[in-house]
Amino acid sequence: MPRIRTIDPHFPRTPSLSRVSREARLFFILLWTLADDSGRLRLDHERLRDQLYPFDNDAPSLLPIWIGELESARCIELYRVEDVEYLRVRNWRQVQTCIQHPARSRLPAAP
C-alpha cells in the first residue's frame, strides 16, 4: 500500500547518493512510497513502472539501471526468498524517522 513519507533536508548531502545519478536519487525517494514500514517491497519491475512512472515510456529500460546504481551505492539490498525477489531500503530507520506506529511487515526479511 502506498504511504506518505518524509524527506529529511539533509538527504541530498548523503555521501552514498553522490555515487548515483539524479534519476536514481529520485527513484530512491519514490521507492519509499511503496515500501512497507520496514523498508521492504516486492521487486516487481512492471508494478514499479505502473505506480511510479505511469507516463514514462522509457522507464522499463531505466529501472534496472537505477536499481543497479542504488544497489552498488548500498542504498538498497536485493534478495530472494522462495523464488520471489524483494528489495530492502538500507538504513530505513534513518531515512524514515517519522513512522510513529509501524505496521509489522508481511514480507520476509533478507536471509
N, C-alpha and C. Protein backbone atom coordinates (compact mmCIF):
# COMPACT_ATOMS: atom_id res chain seq x y z
N MET A 1 0.85 -1.18 0.00
CA MET A 1 0.00 0.00 0.00
C MET A 1 0.90 1.24 0.00
N PRO A 2 0.67 2.16 -0.91
CA PRO A 2 1.47 3.39 -0.93
C PRO A 2 1.33 4.17 0.37
N ARG A 3 2.40 4.80 0.78
CA ARG A 3 2.42 5.53 2.05
C ARG A 3 2.95 6.93 1.85
N ILE A 4 2.56 7.84 2.71
CA ILE A 4 3.12 9.18 2.72
C ILE A 4 4.44 9.09 3.51
N ARG A 5 5.50 9.61 2.93
CA ARG A 5 6.81 9.56 3.57
C ARG A 5 7.40 10.96 3.65
N THR A 6 8.46 11.09 4.42
CA THR A 6 9.12 12.39 4.57
C THR A 6 10.53 12.33 3.97
N ILE A 7 11.03 13.51 3.61
CA ILE A 7 12.39 13.63 3.10
C ILE A 7 13.14 14.58 4.02
N ASP A 8 14.18 14.08 4.65
CA ASP A 8 14.99 14.89 5.53
C ASP A 8 15.71 15.97 4.73
N PRO A 9 15.80 17.19 5.22
CA PRO A 9 16.50 18.25 4.49
C PRO A 9 17.97 17.93 4.21
N HIS A 10 18.56 17.02 4.99
CA HIS A 10 19.96 16.66 4.79
C HIS A 10 20.13 15.52 3.78
N PHE A 11 19.03 14.98 3.31
CA PHE A 11 19.06 13.85 2.38
C PHE A 11 19.97 14.11 1.18
N PRO A 12 19.89 15.28 0.52
CA PRO A 12 20.73 15.49 -0.67
C PRO A 12 22.24 15.43 -0.39
N ARG A 13 22.63 15.56 0.86
CA ARG A 13 24.05 15.55 1.21
C ARG A 13 24.53 14.17 1.69
N THR A 14 23.69 13.17 1.57
CA THR A 14 24.07 11.81 1.97
C THR A 14 25.20 11.32 1.07
N PRO A 15 26.34 10.93 1.65
CA PRO A 15 27.50 10.56 0.83
C PRO A 15 27.24 9.47 -0.20
N SER A 16 26.47 8.45 0.14
CA SER A 16 26.23 7.37 -0.82
C SER A 16 25.48 7.86 -2.05
N LEU A 17 24.71 8.92 -1.91
CA LEU A 17 23.95 9.43 -3.05
C LEU A 17 24.83 10.16 -4.05
N SER A 18 26.02 10.53 -3.65
CA SER A 18 26.93 11.20 -4.59
C SER A 18 27.39 10.24 -5.68
N ARG A 19 27.19 8.94 -5.47
CA ARG A 19 27.65 7.93 -6.42
C ARG A 19 26.55 7.47 -7.38
N VAL A 20 25.37 8.06 -7.29
CA VAL A 20 24.28 7.65 -8.19
C VAL A 20 23.78 8.85 -8.98
N SER A 21 23.12 8.56 -10.07
CA SER A 21 22.61 9.62 -10.94
C SER A 21 21.43 10.35 -10.29
N ARG A 22 21.13 11.49 -10.81
CA ARG A 22 19.99 12.29 -10.33
C ARG A 22 18.70 11.48 -10.46
N GLU A 23 18.56 10.76 -11.58
CA GLU A 23 17.36 9.95 -11.79
C GLU A 23 17.25 8.82 -10.77
N ALA A 24 18.39 8.22 -10.43
CA ALA A 24 18.38 7.15 -9.43
C ALA A 24 18.01 7.70 -8.05
N ARG A 25 18.44 8.93 -7.75
CA ARG A 25 18.07 9.54 -6.46
C ARG A 25 16.57 9.76 -6.39
N LEU A 26 15.97 10.25 -7.46
CA LEU A 26 14.52 10.43 -7.47
C LEU A 26 13.81 9.08 -7.34
N PHE A 27 14.29 8.09 -8.07
CA PHE A 27 13.71 6.75 -7.98
C PHE A 27 13.79 6.22 -6.55
N PHE A 28 14.92 6.46 -5.89
CA PHE A 28 15.10 6.02 -4.50
C PHE A 28 14.03 6.62 -3.60
N ILE A 29 13.79 7.89 -3.74
CA ILE A 29 12.76 8.55 -2.93
C ILE A 29 11.38 7.98 -3.26
N LEU A 30 11.10 7.78 -4.54
CA LEU A 30 9.80 7.22 -4.92
C LEU A 30 9.60 5.80 -4.38
N LEU A 31 10.69 5.05 -4.27
CA LEU A 31 10.58 3.70 -3.70
C LEU A 31 10.01 3.73 -2.28
N TRP A 32 10.34 4.77 -1.54
CA TRP A 32 9.88 4.88 -0.16
C TRP A 32 8.37 4.85 -0.08
N THR A 33 7.70 5.40 -1.10
CA THR A 33 6.23 5.46 -1.06
C THR A 33 5.61 4.08 -1.22
N LEU A 34 6.35 3.12 -1.75
CA LEU A 34 5.84 1.77 -1.93
C LEU A 34 6.34 0.80 -0.86
N ALA A 35 7.41 1.17 -0.17
CA ALA A 35 7.98 0.30 0.86
C ALA A 35 7.06 0.23 2.07
N ASP A 36 7.08 -0.94 2.70
CA ASP A 36 6.30 -1.06 3.93
C ASP A 36 7.04 -0.36 5.07
N ASP A 37 6.51 -0.45 6.26
CA ASP A 37 7.10 0.27 7.39
C ASP A 37 8.43 -0.31 7.87
N SER A 38 8.87 -1.39 7.23
CA SER A 38 10.20 -1.94 7.49
C SER A 38 11.16 -1.65 6.35
N GLY A 39 10.68 -0.91 5.34
CA GLY A 39 11.53 -0.56 4.21
C GLY A 39 11.63 -1.65 3.16
N ARG A 40 10.69 -2.58 3.15
CA ARG A 40 10.73 -3.70 2.21
C ARG A 40 9.62 -3.58 1.17
N LEU A 41 9.90 -4.10 -0.01
CA LEU A 41 8.86 -4.23 -1.03
C LEU A 41 9.23 -5.35 -1.98
N ARG A 42 8.23 -5.88 -2.62
CA ARG A 42 8.46 -6.91 -3.62
C ARG A 42 9.04 -6.24 -4.85
N LEU A 43 10.07 -6.83 -5.43
CA LEU A 43 10.73 -6.25 -6.60
C LEU A 43 9.99 -6.73 -7.85
N ASP A 44 9.09 -5.91 -8.31
CA ASP A 44 8.28 -6.20 -9.48
C ASP A 44 8.41 -5.01 -10.43
N HIS A 45 9.20 -5.18 -11.47
CA HIS A 45 9.50 -4.07 -12.38
C HIS A 45 8.25 -3.49 -13.02
N GLU A 46 7.31 -4.34 -13.39
CA GLU A 46 6.08 -3.84 -14.01
C GLU A 46 5.27 -2.99 -13.04
N ARG A 47 5.17 -3.43 -11.81
CA ARG A 47 4.44 -2.65 -10.79
C ARG A 47 5.14 -1.33 -10.51
N LEU A 48 6.48 -1.37 -10.41
CA LEU A 48 7.23 -0.13 -10.19
C LEU A 48 6.97 0.86 -11.32
N ARG A 49 7.02 0.36 -12.54
CA ARG A 49 6.77 1.23 -13.68
C ARG A 49 5.36 1.80 -13.64
N ASP A 50 4.39 0.96 -13.40
CA ASP A 50 2.99 1.40 -13.40
C ASP A 50 2.70 2.40 -12.28
N GLN A 51 3.28 2.17 -11.11
CA GLN A 51 2.96 3.03 -9.97
C GLN A 51 3.84 4.27 -9.86
N LEU A 52 5.08 4.18 -10.30
CA LEU A 52 6.00 5.30 -10.12
C LEU A 52 6.22 6.12 -11.39
N TYR A 53 6.09 5.47 -12.54
CA TYR A 53 6.37 6.16 -13.81
C TYR A 53 5.28 5.86 -14.85
N PRO A 54 4.02 6.14 -14.55
CA PRO A 54 2.95 5.76 -15.47
C PRO A 54 2.98 6.49 -16.81
N PHE A 55 3.68 7.60 -16.91
CA PHE A 55 3.69 8.39 -18.14
C PHE A 55 5.02 8.33 -18.89
N ASP A 56 5.95 7.52 -18.39
CA ASP A 56 7.29 7.50 -18.96
C ASP A 56 7.54 6.18 -19.69
N ASN A 57 7.56 6.24 -21.01
CA ASN A 57 7.74 5.04 -21.83
C ASN A 57 9.14 4.45 -21.71
N ASP A 58 10.11 5.24 -21.30
CA ASP A 58 11.48 4.74 -21.18
C ASP A 58 11.76 4.09 -19.82
N ALA A 59 10.82 4.14 -18.90
CA ALA A 59 11.05 3.61 -17.55
C ALA A 59 11.42 2.13 -17.54
N PRO A 60 10.78 1.26 -18.34
CA PRO A 60 11.17 -0.16 -18.28
C PRO A 60 12.65 -0.40 -18.55
N SER A 61 13.25 0.38 -19.43
CA SER A 61 14.67 0.17 -19.72
C SER A 61 15.57 0.84 -18.68
N LEU A 62 15.07 1.84 -17.98
CA LEU A 62 15.88 2.57 -17.00
C LEU A 62 15.82 1.98 -15.59
N LEU A 63 14.73 1.35 -15.23
CA LEU A 63 14.59 0.80 -13.87
C LEU A 63 15.75 -0.12 -13.49
N PRO A 64 16.14 -1.08 -14.34
CA PRO A 64 17.28 -1.94 -13.94
C PRO A 64 18.57 -1.15 -13.73
N ILE A 65 18.77 -0.09 -14.49
CA ILE A 65 19.97 0.74 -14.33
C ILE A 65 19.94 1.44 -12.97
N TRP A 66 18.81 2.05 -12.65
CA TRP A 66 18.69 2.76 -11.37
C TRP A 66 18.81 1.80 -10.20
N ILE A 67 18.18 0.65 -10.31
CA ILE A 67 18.27 -0.35 -9.25
C ILE A 67 19.73 -0.76 -9.06
N GLY A 68 20.44 -0.98 -10.16
CA GLY A 68 21.86 -1.33 -10.09
C GLY A 68 22.69 -0.25 -9.43
N GLU A 69 22.42 1.01 -9.77
CA GLU A 69 23.15 2.12 -9.15
C GLU A 69 22.92 2.15 -7.65
N LEU A 70 21.67 2.03 -7.25
CA LEU A 70 21.33 2.11 -5.82
C LEU A 70 21.89 0.92 -5.05
N GLU A 71 21.90 -0.24 -5.68
CA GLU A 71 22.48 -1.42 -5.02
C GLU A 71 24.00 -1.25 -4.89
N SER A 72 24.65 -0.77 -5.93
CA SER A 72 26.11 -0.57 -5.89
C SER A 72 26.49 0.46 -4.82
N ALA A 73 25.66 1.47 -4.64
CA ALA A 73 25.92 2.51 -3.64
C ALA A 73 25.47 2.09 -2.25
N ARG A 74 24.95 0.87 -2.13
CA ARG A 74 24.49 0.30 -0.87
C ARG A 74 23.32 1.09 -0.26
N CYS A 75 22.49 1.65 -1.12
CA CYS A 75 21.27 2.33 -0.68
C CYS A 75 20.13 1.32 -0.52
N ILE A 76 20.18 0.26 -1.32
CA ILE A 76 19.17 -0.79 -1.26
C ILE A 76 19.87 -2.14 -1.24
N GLU A 77 19.12 -3.12 -0.81
CA GLU A 77 19.58 -4.51 -0.83
C GLU A 77 18.55 -5.32 -1.59
N LEU A 78 19.00 -6.12 -2.53
CA LEU A 78 18.11 -7.03 -3.25
C LEU A 78 18.30 -8.42 -2.67
N TYR A 79 17.21 -9.16 -2.53
CA TYR A 79 17.31 -10.51 -2.02
C TYR A 79 16.15 -11.34 -2.55
N ARG A 80 16.27 -12.64 -2.42
CA ARG A 80 15.28 -13.58 -2.94
C ARG A 80 14.89 -14.55 -1.84
N VAL A 81 13.60 -14.79 -1.72
CA VAL A 81 13.08 -15.78 -0.79
C VAL A 81 12.05 -16.61 -1.55
N GLU A 82 12.30 -17.92 -1.62
CA GLU A 82 11.39 -18.83 -2.32
C GLU A 82 11.06 -18.35 -3.73
N ASP A 83 12.09 -18.01 -4.49
CA ASP A 83 11.97 -17.57 -5.88
C ASP A 83 11.20 -16.28 -6.09
N VAL A 84 11.03 -15.49 -5.05
CA VAL A 84 10.41 -14.17 -5.17
C VAL A 84 11.48 -13.14 -4.83
N GLU A 85 11.60 -12.12 -5.68
CA GLU A 85 12.60 -11.08 -5.45
C GLU A 85 12.03 -9.95 -4.61
N TYR A 86 12.86 -9.46 -3.69
CA TYR A 86 12.48 -8.37 -2.81
C TYR A 86 13.56 -7.30 -2.82
N LEU A 87 13.18 -6.14 -2.36
CA LEU A 87 14.09 -5.01 -2.23
C LEU A 87 13.92 -4.46 -0.83
N ARG A 88 15.05 -4.13 -0.20
CA ARG A 88 15.02 -3.52 1.13
C ARG A 88 15.80 -2.22 1.09
N VAL A 89 15.21 -1.16 1.59
CA VAL A 89 15.92 0.11 1.70
C VAL A 89 16.83 0.01 2.92
N ARG A 90 18.12 0.15 2.67
CA ARG A 90 19.08 0.08 3.77
C ARG A 90 18.95 1.32 4.65
N ASN A 91 19.26 1.17 5.91
CA ASN A 91 19.19 2.28 6.87
C ASN A 91 17.81 2.92 6.90
N TRP A 92 16.79 2.10 6.78
CA TRP A 92 15.41 2.58 6.70
C TRP A 92 15.03 3.48 7.87
N ARG A 93 15.45 3.13 9.06
CA ARG A 93 15.08 3.93 10.24
C ARG A 93 15.74 5.31 10.24
N GLN A 94 16.85 5.46 9.54
CA GLN A 94 17.45 6.79 9.41
C GLN A 94 16.77 7.58 8.28
N VAL A 95 16.32 6.86 7.26
CA VAL A 95 15.65 7.51 6.13
C VAL A 95 14.25 7.98 6.54
N GLN A 96 13.56 7.16 7.30
CA GLN A 96 12.19 7.46 7.72
C GLN A 96 12.10 7.45 9.24
N THR A 97 12.30 8.60 9.83
CA THR A 97 12.31 8.70 11.29
C THR A 97 10.93 9.03 11.86
N CYS A 98 9.99 9.37 11.02
CA CYS A 98 8.68 9.85 11.49
C CYS A 98 7.59 8.78 11.52
N ILE A 99 7.94 7.52 11.35
CA ILE A 99 6.93 6.47 11.40
C ILE A 99 6.59 6.23 12.86
N GLN A 100 5.40 6.65 13.26
CA GLN A 100 5.03 6.61 14.68
C GLN A 100 4.50 5.26 15.13
N HIS A 101 3.71 4.62 14.32
CA HIS A 101 3.13 3.32 14.68
C HIS A 101 3.38 2.34 13.53
N PRO A 102 4.61 1.85 13.41
CA PRO A 102 4.93 1.00 12.26
C PRO A 102 4.14 -0.31 12.28
N ALA A 103 3.63 -0.66 11.11
CA ALA A 103 2.94 -1.94 10.95
C ALA A 103 4.01 -3.02 10.75
N ARG A 104 3.72 -4.19 11.22
CA ARG A 104 4.63 -5.32 11.05
C ARG A 104 4.67 -5.70 9.57
N SER A 105 5.85 -5.97 9.07
CA SER A 105 6.00 -6.31 7.66
C SER A 105 5.39 -7.67 7.36
N ARG A 106 4.71 -7.76 6.24
CA ARG A 106 4.18 -9.04 5.76
C ARG A 106 5.17 -9.72 4.84
N LEU A 107 6.26 -9.01 4.52
CA LEU A 107 7.27 -9.54 3.61
C LEU A 107 8.42 -10.14 4.41
N PRO A 108 9.04 -11.17 3.86
CA PRO A 108 10.15 -11.79 4.59
C PRO A 108 11.37 -10.88 4.66
N ALA A 109 12.11 -11.02 5.72
CA ALA A 109 13.37 -10.29 5.88
C ALA A 109 14.43 -10.92 4.98
N ALA A 110 15.47 -10.18 4.72
CA ALA A 110 16.59 -10.71 3.95
C ALA A 110 17.23 -11.85 4.71
N PRO A 111 17.60 -12.91 4.01
CA PRO A 111 18.23 -14.05 4.71
C PRO A 111 19.59 -13.67 5.30
